[in-house]
Amino acid sequence: MNKEILEALNQLTDKFGIAVDWSNQNALPYLRDLMGRLVRYEIITSVAWLIVGALFVLSAIWWLKFIKYARKKYEDIGGSNDWDVAATVAAFAMFIVVLLGIIIVLCQIGDIIQCVVLPEGVILEYIKGVTAS
């Protein structure tokens, strides 16, 4: 097992006042199972956030099309400048939502790639986060 992970685990167990012999045959299989579950948890939450980000993008694009359609329809009947301002503000807000969705999607894709390629890094980050708090 990775030396850094064992050091971080020792810090974590020291924080809670627990002494664990990681070479023990009972502790190591449990620890491997726990690490596997932690990586699966990270992948599942990343997929959930990936879906949320995609929904942000898709719904914002739909609203942008709706705003464009409504603006054209309103201009055809001789609409006022108030509608232009409202449509511009709404379009800008939807553009921000699209950017937010894209950022969420890209970050979650990076997390999933990290979980697949380097699961030890995910575990180490989680342990460091727990020991820091």
N, C-alpha and C. Protein backbone atom coordinates (compact mmCIF):
# COMPACT_ATOMS: atom_id res chain seq x y z
N MET A 1 0.84 -1.17 0.00
CA MET A 1 0.00 0.00 0.00
C MET A 1 0.89 1.24 0.00
N ASN A 2 0.36 2.31 -0.51
CA ASN A 2 1.13 3.54 -0.64
C ASN A 2 1.57 4.06 0.73
N LYS A 3 2.83 4.45 0.83
CA LYS A 3 3.40 4.91 2.10
C LYS A 3 2.71 6.18 2.59
N GLU A 4 2.37 7.09 1.66
CA GLU A 4 1.71 8.34 2.05
C GLU A 4 0.33 8.08 2.63
N ILE A 5 -0.38 7.11 2.07
CA ILE A 5 -1.71 6.79 2.58
C ILE A 5 -1.59 6.22 3.99
N LEU A 6 -0.62 5.35 4.21
CA LEU A 6 -0.43 4.80 5.55
C LEU A 6 -0.08 5.89 6.57
N GLU A 7 0.75 6.84 6.17
CA GLU A 7 1.09 7.95 7.06
C GLU A 7 -0.14 8.79 7.38
N ALA A 8 -0.95 9.06 6.36
CA ALA A 8 -2.17 9.85 6.58
C ALA A 8 -3.15 9.07 7.46
N LEU A 9 -3.25 7.77 7.25
CA LEU A 9 -4.13 6.96 8.09
C LEU A 9 -3.64 6.93 9.54
N ASN A 10 -2.34 6.88 9.73
CA ASN A 10 -1.80 6.93 11.09
C ASN A 10 -2.14 8.25 11.76
N GLN A 11 -2.05 9.36 11.01
CA GLN A 11 -2.44 10.66 11.56
C GLN A 11 -3.91 10.67 11.92
N LEU A 12 -4.73 10.08 11.05
CA LEU A 12 -6.18 10.04 11.29
C LEU A 12 -6.50 9.21 12.53
N THR A 13 -5.89 8.04 12.66
CA THR A 13 -6.16 7.20 13.83
C THR A 13 -5.60 7.84 15.10
N ASP A 14 -4.47 8.53 15.01
CA ASP A 14 -3.93 9.24 16.17
C ASP A 14 -4.87 10.35 16.62
N LYS A 15 -5.51 10.99 15.65
CA LYS A 15 -6.44 12.07 15.98
C LYS A 15 -7.61 11.54 16.82
N PHE A 16 -8.05 10.32 16.51
CA PHE A 16 -9.16 9.74 17.25
C PHE A 16 -8.69 8.87 18.42
N GLY A 17 -7.38 8.79 18.63
CA GLY A 17 -6.85 8.01 19.75
C GLY A 17 -6.94 6.51 19.54
N ILE A 18 -6.83 6.06 18.30
CA ILE A 18 -6.92 4.64 17.98
C ILE A 18 -5.56 4.18 17.48
N ALA A 19 -5.13 3.03 17.95
CA ALA A 19 -3.88 2.45 17.46
C ALA A 19 -4.22 1.25 16.58
N VAL A 20 -3.78 1.29 15.34
CA VAL A 20 -4.08 0.21 14.39
C VAL A 20 -2.78 -0.28 13.79
N ASP A 21 -2.61 -1.59 13.76
CA ASP A 21 -1.47 -2.21 13.09
C ASP A 21 -1.92 -2.51 11.67
N TRP A 22 -1.46 -1.70 10.70
CA TRP A 22 -1.94 -1.83 9.33
C TRP A 22 -1.42 -3.09 8.65
N SER A 23 -0.45 -3.74 9.25
CA SER A 23 0.02 -4.99 8.66
C SER A 23 -0.85 -6.17 9.10
N ASN A 24 -1.74 -5.94 10.04
CA ASN A 24 -2.63 -6.99 10.50
C ASN A 24 -3.47 -7.52 9.33
N GLN A 25 -3.62 -8.82 9.27
CA GLN A 25 -4.34 -9.41 8.14
C GLN A 25 -5.82 -9.09 8.16
N ASN A 26 -6.37 -8.73 9.30
CA ASN A 26 -7.79 -8.38 9.37
C ASN A 26 -8.02 -6.93 8.94
N ALA A 27 -7.10 -6.03 9.26
CA ALA A 27 -7.30 -4.62 8.97
C ALA A 27 -7.09 -4.29 7.50
N LEU A 28 -6.12 -4.92 6.87
CA LEU A 28 -5.78 -4.59 5.49
C LEU A 28 -6.91 -4.89 4.49
N PRO A 29 -7.55 -6.07 4.55
CA PRO A 29 -8.66 -6.29 3.60
C PRO A 29 -9.83 -5.31 3.83
N TYR A 30 -10.11 -5.02 5.09
CA TYR A 30 -11.18 -4.06 5.38
C TYR A 30 -10.82 -2.69 4.83
N LEU A 31 -9.57 -2.29 5.00
CA LEU A 31 -9.12 -1.00 4.52
C LEU A 31 -9.20 -0.92 3.00
N ARG A 32 -8.81 -1.98 2.32
CA ARG A 32 -8.92 -2.00 0.86
C ARG A 32 -10.37 -1.89 0.41
N ASP A 33 -11.26 -2.60 1.11
CA ASP A 33 -12.69 -2.52 0.79
C ASP A 33 -13.22 -1.11 1.03
N LEU A 34 -12.81 -0.51 2.13
CA LEU A 34 -13.23 0.85 2.45
C LEU A 34 -12.74 1.85 1.40
N MET A 35 -11.52 1.68 0.96
CA MET A 35 -10.97 2.56 -0.07
C MET A 35 -11.71 2.39 -1.40
N GLY A 36 -12.05 1.16 -1.74
CA GLY A 36 -12.82 0.91 -2.95
C GLY A 36 -14.19 1.58 -2.89
N ARG A 37 -14.82 1.50 -1.72
CA ARG A 37 -16.12 2.15 -1.56
C ARG A 37 -16.00 3.67 -1.63
N LEU A 38 -14.92 4.21 -1.09
CA LEU A 38 -14.71 5.65 -1.14
C LEU A 38 -14.54 6.13 -2.59
N VAL A 39 -13.80 5.38 -3.38
CA VAL A 39 -13.61 5.74 -4.79
C VAL A 39 -14.93 5.63 -5.55
N ARG A 40 -15.70 4.56 -5.29
CA ARG A 40 -17.01 4.42 -5.95
C ARG A 40 -17.95 5.56 -5.55
N TYR A 41 -17.91 5.95 -4.28
CA TYR A 41 -18.73 7.07 -3.81
C TYR A 41 -18.36 8.35 -4.56
N GLU A 42 -17.08 8.60 -4.72
CA GLU A 42 -16.62 9.79 -5.44
C GLU A 42 -17.08 9.76 -6.89
N ILE A 43 -17.00 8.59 -7.52
CA ILE A 43 -17.45 8.48 -8.92
C ILE A 43 -18.95 8.72 -9.03
N ILE A 44 -19.72 8.14 -8.11
CA ILE A 44 -21.19 8.30 -8.16
C ILE A 44 -21.59 9.75 -7.93
N THR A 45 -20.96 10.42 -6.95
CA THR A 45 -21.31 11.83 -6.73
C THR A 45 -20.87 12.69 -7.90
N SER A 46 -19.74 12.34 -8.52
CA SER A 46 -19.30 13.10 -9.70
C SER A 46 -20.26 12.93 -10.87
N VAL A 47 -20.78 11.72 -11.04
CA VAL A 47 -21.76 11.49 -12.10
C VAL A 47 -23.04 12.28 -11.82
N ALA A 48 -23.46 12.31 -10.56
CA ALA A 48 -24.65 13.08 -10.20
C ALA A 48 -24.45 14.57 -10.51
N TRP A 49 -23.29 15.11 -10.15
CA TRP A 49 -23.01 16.51 -10.46
C TRP A 49 -22.85 16.75 -11.95
N LEU A 50 -22.35 15.75 -12.65
CA LEU A 50 -22.24 15.83 -14.11
C LEU A 50 -23.63 15.98 -14.72
N ILE A 51 -24.58 15.22 -14.21
CA ILE A 51 -25.96 15.31 -14.70
C ILE A 51 -26.55 16.69 -14.38
N VAL A 52 -26.29 17.17 -13.17
CA VAL A 52 -26.79 18.50 -12.79
C VAL A 52 -26.21 19.57 -13.72
N GLY A 53 -24.92 19.51 -13.98
CA GLY A 53 -24.29 20.48 -14.88
C GLY A 53 -24.86 20.41 -16.29
N ALA A 54 -25.09 19.18 -16.78
CA ALA A 54 -25.68 19.02 -18.11
C ALA A 54 -27.10 19.58 -18.15
N LEU A 55 -27.86 19.37 -17.08
CA LEU A 55 -29.21 19.93 -17.02
C LEU A 55 -29.17 21.46 -16.99
N PHE A 56 -28.20 22.04 -16.29
CA PHE A 56 -28.03 23.49 -16.31
C PHE A 56 -27.84 23.98 -17.74
N VAL A 57 -26.94 23.34 -18.45
CA VAL A 57 -26.62 23.76 -19.82
C VAL A 57 -27.85 23.61 -20.72
N LEU A 58 -28.48 22.44 -20.66
CA LEU A 58 -29.62 22.19 -21.55
C LEU A 58 -30.80 23.12 -21.24
N SER A 59 -31.10 23.31 -19.96
CA SER A 59 -32.23 24.19 -19.63
C SER A 59 -31.93 25.64 -20.00
N ALA A 60 -30.70 26.08 -19.80
CA ALA A 60 -30.35 27.46 -20.15
C ALA A 60 -30.41 27.66 -21.66
N ILE A 61 -29.96 26.68 -22.42
CA ILE A 61 -30.05 26.78 -23.87
C ILE A 61 -31.52 26.84 -24.31
N TRP A 62 -32.35 26.02 -23.68
CA TRP A 62 -33.79 26.06 -24.01
C TRP A 62 -34.36 27.43 -23.70
N TRP A 63 -34.02 28.00 -22.54
CA TRP A 63 -34.52 29.33 -22.18
C TRP A 63 -34.00 30.40 -23.12
N LEU A 64 -32.76 30.28 -23.57
CA LEU A 64 -32.23 31.24 -24.54
C LEU A 64 -33.01 31.19 -25.85
N LYS A 65 -33.35 29.99 -26.30
CA LYS A 65 -34.16 29.87 -27.51
C LYS A 65 -35.54 30.45 -27.30
N PHE A 66 -36.11 30.21 -26.12
CA PHE A 66 -37.44 30.75 -25.81
C PHE A 66 -37.40 32.27 -25.76
N ILE A 67 -36.37 32.84 -25.15
CA ILE A 67 -36.24 34.30 -25.08
C ILE A 67 -36.10 34.89 -26.48
N LYS A 68 -35.31 34.23 -27.32
CA LYS A 68 -35.13 34.71 -28.69
C LYS A 68 -36.46 34.67 -29.46
N TYR A 69 -37.19 33.58 -29.28
CA TYR A 69 -38.49 33.44 -29.96
C TYR A 69 -39.47 34.50 -29.45
N ALA A 70 -39.55 34.68 -28.12
CA ALA A 70 -40.48 35.64 -27.55
C ALA A 70 -40.10 37.08 -27.94
N ARG A 71 -38.82 37.36 -28.01
CA ARG A 71 -38.37 38.70 -28.40
C ARG A 71 -38.78 39.00 -29.83
N LYS A 72 -38.57 38.02 -30.71
CA LYS A 72 -38.95 38.21 -32.11
C LYS A 72 -40.46 38.40 -32.23
N LYS A 73 -41.21 37.60 -31.51
CA LYS A 73 -42.67 37.69 -31.54
C LYS A 73 -43.13 39.06 -31.03
N TYR A 74 -42.49 39.55 -29.97
CA TYR A 74 -42.87 40.83 -29.40
C TYR A 74 -42.50 41.98 -30.32
N GLU A 75 -41.37 41.85 -31.03
CA GLU A 75 -40.97 42.89 -31.98
C GLU A 75 -41.93 42.95 -33.16
N ASP A 76 -42.46 41.80 -33.55
CA ASP A 76 -43.40 41.76 -34.67
C ASP A 76 -44.68 42.52 -34.38
N ILE A 77 -45.06 42.58 -33.10
CA ILE A 77 -46.30 43.30 -32.77
C ILE A 77 -46.01 44.72 -32.28
N GLY A 78 -44.75 45.16 -32.38
CA GLY A 78 -44.39 46.54 -32.03
C GLY A 78 -44.14 46.72 -30.55
N GLY A 79 -43.33 45.88 -29.96
CA GLY A 79 -43.04 45.92 -28.52
C GLY A 79 -42.21 47.13 -28.13
N SER A 80 -42.13 47.35 -26.84
CA SER A 80 -41.41 48.51 -26.31
C SER A 80 -39.96 48.15 -25.96
N ASN A 81 -39.21 49.16 -25.57
CA ASN A 81 -37.82 48.96 -25.17
C ASN A 81 -37.69 48.23 -23.84
N ASP A 82 -38.73 48.27 -23.01
CA ASP A 82 -38.69 47.57 -21.72
C ASP A 82 -38.49 46.07 -21.95
N TRP A 83 -39.15 45.53 -22.94
CA TRP A 83 -39.00 44.10 -23.23
C TRP A 83 -37.58 43.79 -23.69
N ASP A 84 -36.98 44.68 -24.47
CA ASP A 84 -35.60 44.47 -24.91
C ASP A 84 -34.64 44.40 -23.72
N VAL A 85 -34.82 45.27 -22.76
CA VAL A 85 -33.95 45.27 -21.57
C VAL A 85 -34.16 43.98 -20.77
N ALA A 86 -35.40 43.59 -20.56
CA ALA A 86 -35.69 42.37 -19.80
C ALA A 86 -35.14 41.14 -20.53
N ALA A 87 -35.31 41.10 -21.84
CA ALA A 87 -34.81 39.96 -22.61
C ALA A 87 -33.29 39.92 -22.60
N THR A 88 -32.64 41.06 -22.65
CA THR A 88 -31.19 41.10 -22.60
C THR A 88 -30.66 40.64 -21.24
N VAL A 89 -31.30 41.09 -20.17
CA VAL A 89 -30.89 40.66 -18.82
C VAL A 89 -31.12 39.16 -18.65
N ALA A 90 -32.26 38.65 -19.11
CA ALA A 90 -32.54 37.22 -19.02
C ALA A 90 -31.56 36.41 -19.86
N ALA A 91 -31.23 36.89 -21.03
CA ALA A 91 -30.27 36.19 -21.88
C ALA A 91 -28.89 36.17 -21.24
N PHE A 92 -28.50 37.28 -20.62
CA PHE A 92 -27.21 37.32 -19.93
C PHE A 92 -27.19 36.34 -18.75
N ALA A 93 -28.29 36.28 -18.01
CA ALA A 93 -28.37 35.35 -16.88
C ALA A 93 -28.28 33.90 -17.38
N MET A 94 -28.93 33.60 -18.47
CA MET A 94 -28.87 32.23 -19.02
C MET A 94 -27.47 31.91 -19.55
N PHE A 95 -26.79 32.91 -20.08
CA PHE A 95 -25.41 32.71 -20.52
C PHE A 95 -24.52 32.36 -19.33
N ILE A 96 -24.73 33.03 -18.19
CA ILE A 96 -23.99 32.72 -16.97
C ILE A 96 -24.29 31.30 -16.51
N VAL A 97 -25.56 30.89 -16.60
CA VAL A 97 -25.94 29.52 -16.20
C VAL A 97 -25.27 28.49 -17.11
N VAL A 98 -25.19 28.79 -18.40
CA VAL A 98 -24.50 27.89 -19.33
C VAL A 98 -23.03 27.76 -18.94
N LEU A 99 -22.37 28.87 -18.65
CA LEU A 99 -20.97 28.82 -18.23
C LEU A 99 -20.80 28.04 -16.93
N LEU A 100 -21.69 28.25 -15.98
CA LEU A 100 -21.64 27.51 -14.72
C LEU A 100 -21.80 26.02 -14.97
N GLY A 101 -22.75 25.65 -15.82
CA GLY A 101 -22.95 24.24 -16.15
C GLY A 101 -21.73 23.63 -16.81
N ILE A 102 -21.11 24.36 -17.71
CA ILE A 102 -19.90 23.85 -18.38
C ILE A 102 -18.76 23.66 -17.38
N ILE A 103 -18.61 24.60 -16.45
CA ILE A 103 -17.57 24.48 -15.42
C ILE A 103 -17.82 23.26 -14.55
N ILE A 104 -19.07 23.06 -14.15
CA ILE A 104 -19.42 21.89 -13.33
C ILE A 104 -19.09 20.61 -14.09
N VAL A 105 -19.49 20.54 -15.34
CA VAL A 105 -19.25 19.33 -16.15
C VAL A 105 -17.75 19.06 -16.28
N LEU A 106 -16.97 20.07 -16.59
CA LEU A 106 -15.53 19.87 -16.76
C LEU A 106 -14.85 19.44 -15.46
N CYS A 107 -15.24 20.04 -14.35
CA CYS A 107 -14.64 19.66 -13.06
C CYS A 107 -14.99 18.21 -12.71
N GLN A 108 -16.22 17.81 -12.95
CA GLN A 108 -16.63 16.45 -12.60
C GLN A 108 -15.99 15.42 -13.52
N ILE A 109 -15.80 15.77 -14.78
CA ILE A 109 -15.09 14.86 -15.68
C ILE A 109 -13.66 14.67 -15.16
N GLY A 110 -13.03 15.74 -14.71
CA GLY A 110 -11.69 15.63 -14.14
C GLY A 110 -11.67 14.74 -12.90
N ASP A 111 -12.70 14.86 -12.04
CA ASP A 111 -12.77 14.01 -10.85
C ASP A 111 -12.92 12.54 -11.22
N ILE A 112 -13.76 12.26 -12.21
CA ILE A 112 -13.97 10.88 -12.62
C ILE A 112 -12.68 10.30 -13.20
N ILE A 113 -11.99 11.08 -14.02
CA ILE A 113 -10.72 10.61 -14.59
C ILE A 113 -9.72 10.34 -13.46
N GLN A 114 -9.66 11.22 -12.47
CA GLN A 114 -8.75 11.01 -11.34
C GLN A 114 -9.11 9.74 -10.57
N CYS A 115 -10.40 9.48 -10.39
CA CYS A 115 -10.81 8.26 -9.68
C CYS A 115 -10.42 7.01 -10.44
N VAL A 116 -10.49 7.05 -11.74
CA VAL A 116 -10.16 5.87 -12.54
C VAL A 116 -8.66 5.68 -12.65
N VAL A 117 -7.94 6.75 -12.91
CA VAL A 117 -6.50 6.65 -13.17
C VAL A 117 -5.70 6.58 -11.87
N LEU A 118 -6.03 7.41 -10.89
CA LEU A 118 -5.24 7.49 -9.67
C LEU A 118 -6.16 7.50 -8.43
N PRO A 119 -6.73 6.35 -8.08
CA PRO A 119 -7.65 6.33 -6.94
C PRO A 119 -6.95 6.65 -5.61
N GLU A 120 -5.66 6.37 -5.51
CA GLU A 120 -4.94 6.67 -4.28
C GLU A 120 -4.93 8.17 -3.99
N GLY A 121 -4.88 8.98 -5.04
CA GLY A 121 -4.92 10.42 -4.86
C GLY A 121 -6.23 10.89 -4.27
N VAL A 122 -7.33 10.29 -4.70
CA VAL A 122 -8.65 10.62 -4.16
C VAL A 122 -8.71 10.26 -2.68
N ILE A 123 -8.21 9.09 -2.36
CA ILE A 123 -8.23 8.63 -0.97
C ILE A 123 -7.36 9.53 -0.10
N LEU A 124 -6.20 9.87 -0.59
CA LEU A 124 -5.28 10.72 0.16
C LEU A 124 -5.88 12.11 0.40
N GLU A 125 -6.52 12.67 -0.63
CA GLU A 125 -7.18 13.98 -0.46
C GLU A 125 -8.29 13.91 0.58
N TYR A 126 -9.06 12.82 0.56
CA TYR A 126 -10.15 12.66 1.52
C TYR A 126 -9.59 12.56 2.93
N ILE A 127 -8.56 11.75 3.11
CA ILE A 127 -7.97 11.59 4.44
C ILE A 127 -7.39 12.90 4.93
N LYS A 128 -6.69 13.62 4.05
CA LYS A 128 -6.13 14.92 4.45
C LYS A 128 -7.23 15.90 4.82
N GLY A 129 -8.36 15.85 4.11
CA GLY A 129 -9.48 16.72 4.45
C GLY A 129 -10.08 16.39 5.80
N VAL A 130 -10.14 15.11 6.13
CA VAL A 130 -10.67 14.71 7.43
C VAL A 130 -9.72 15.08 8.54
N THR A 131 -8.42 14.89 8.33
CA THR A 131 -7.45 15.20 9.38
C THR A 131 -7.28 16.71 9.57
N ALA A 132 -7.55 17.50 8.53
CA ALA A 132 -7.39 18.95 8.64
C ALA A 132 -8.51 19.57 9.46
N SER A 133 -9.68 18.95 9.46
CA SER A 133 -10.81 19.57 10.18
C SER A 133 -10.87 19.20 11.64
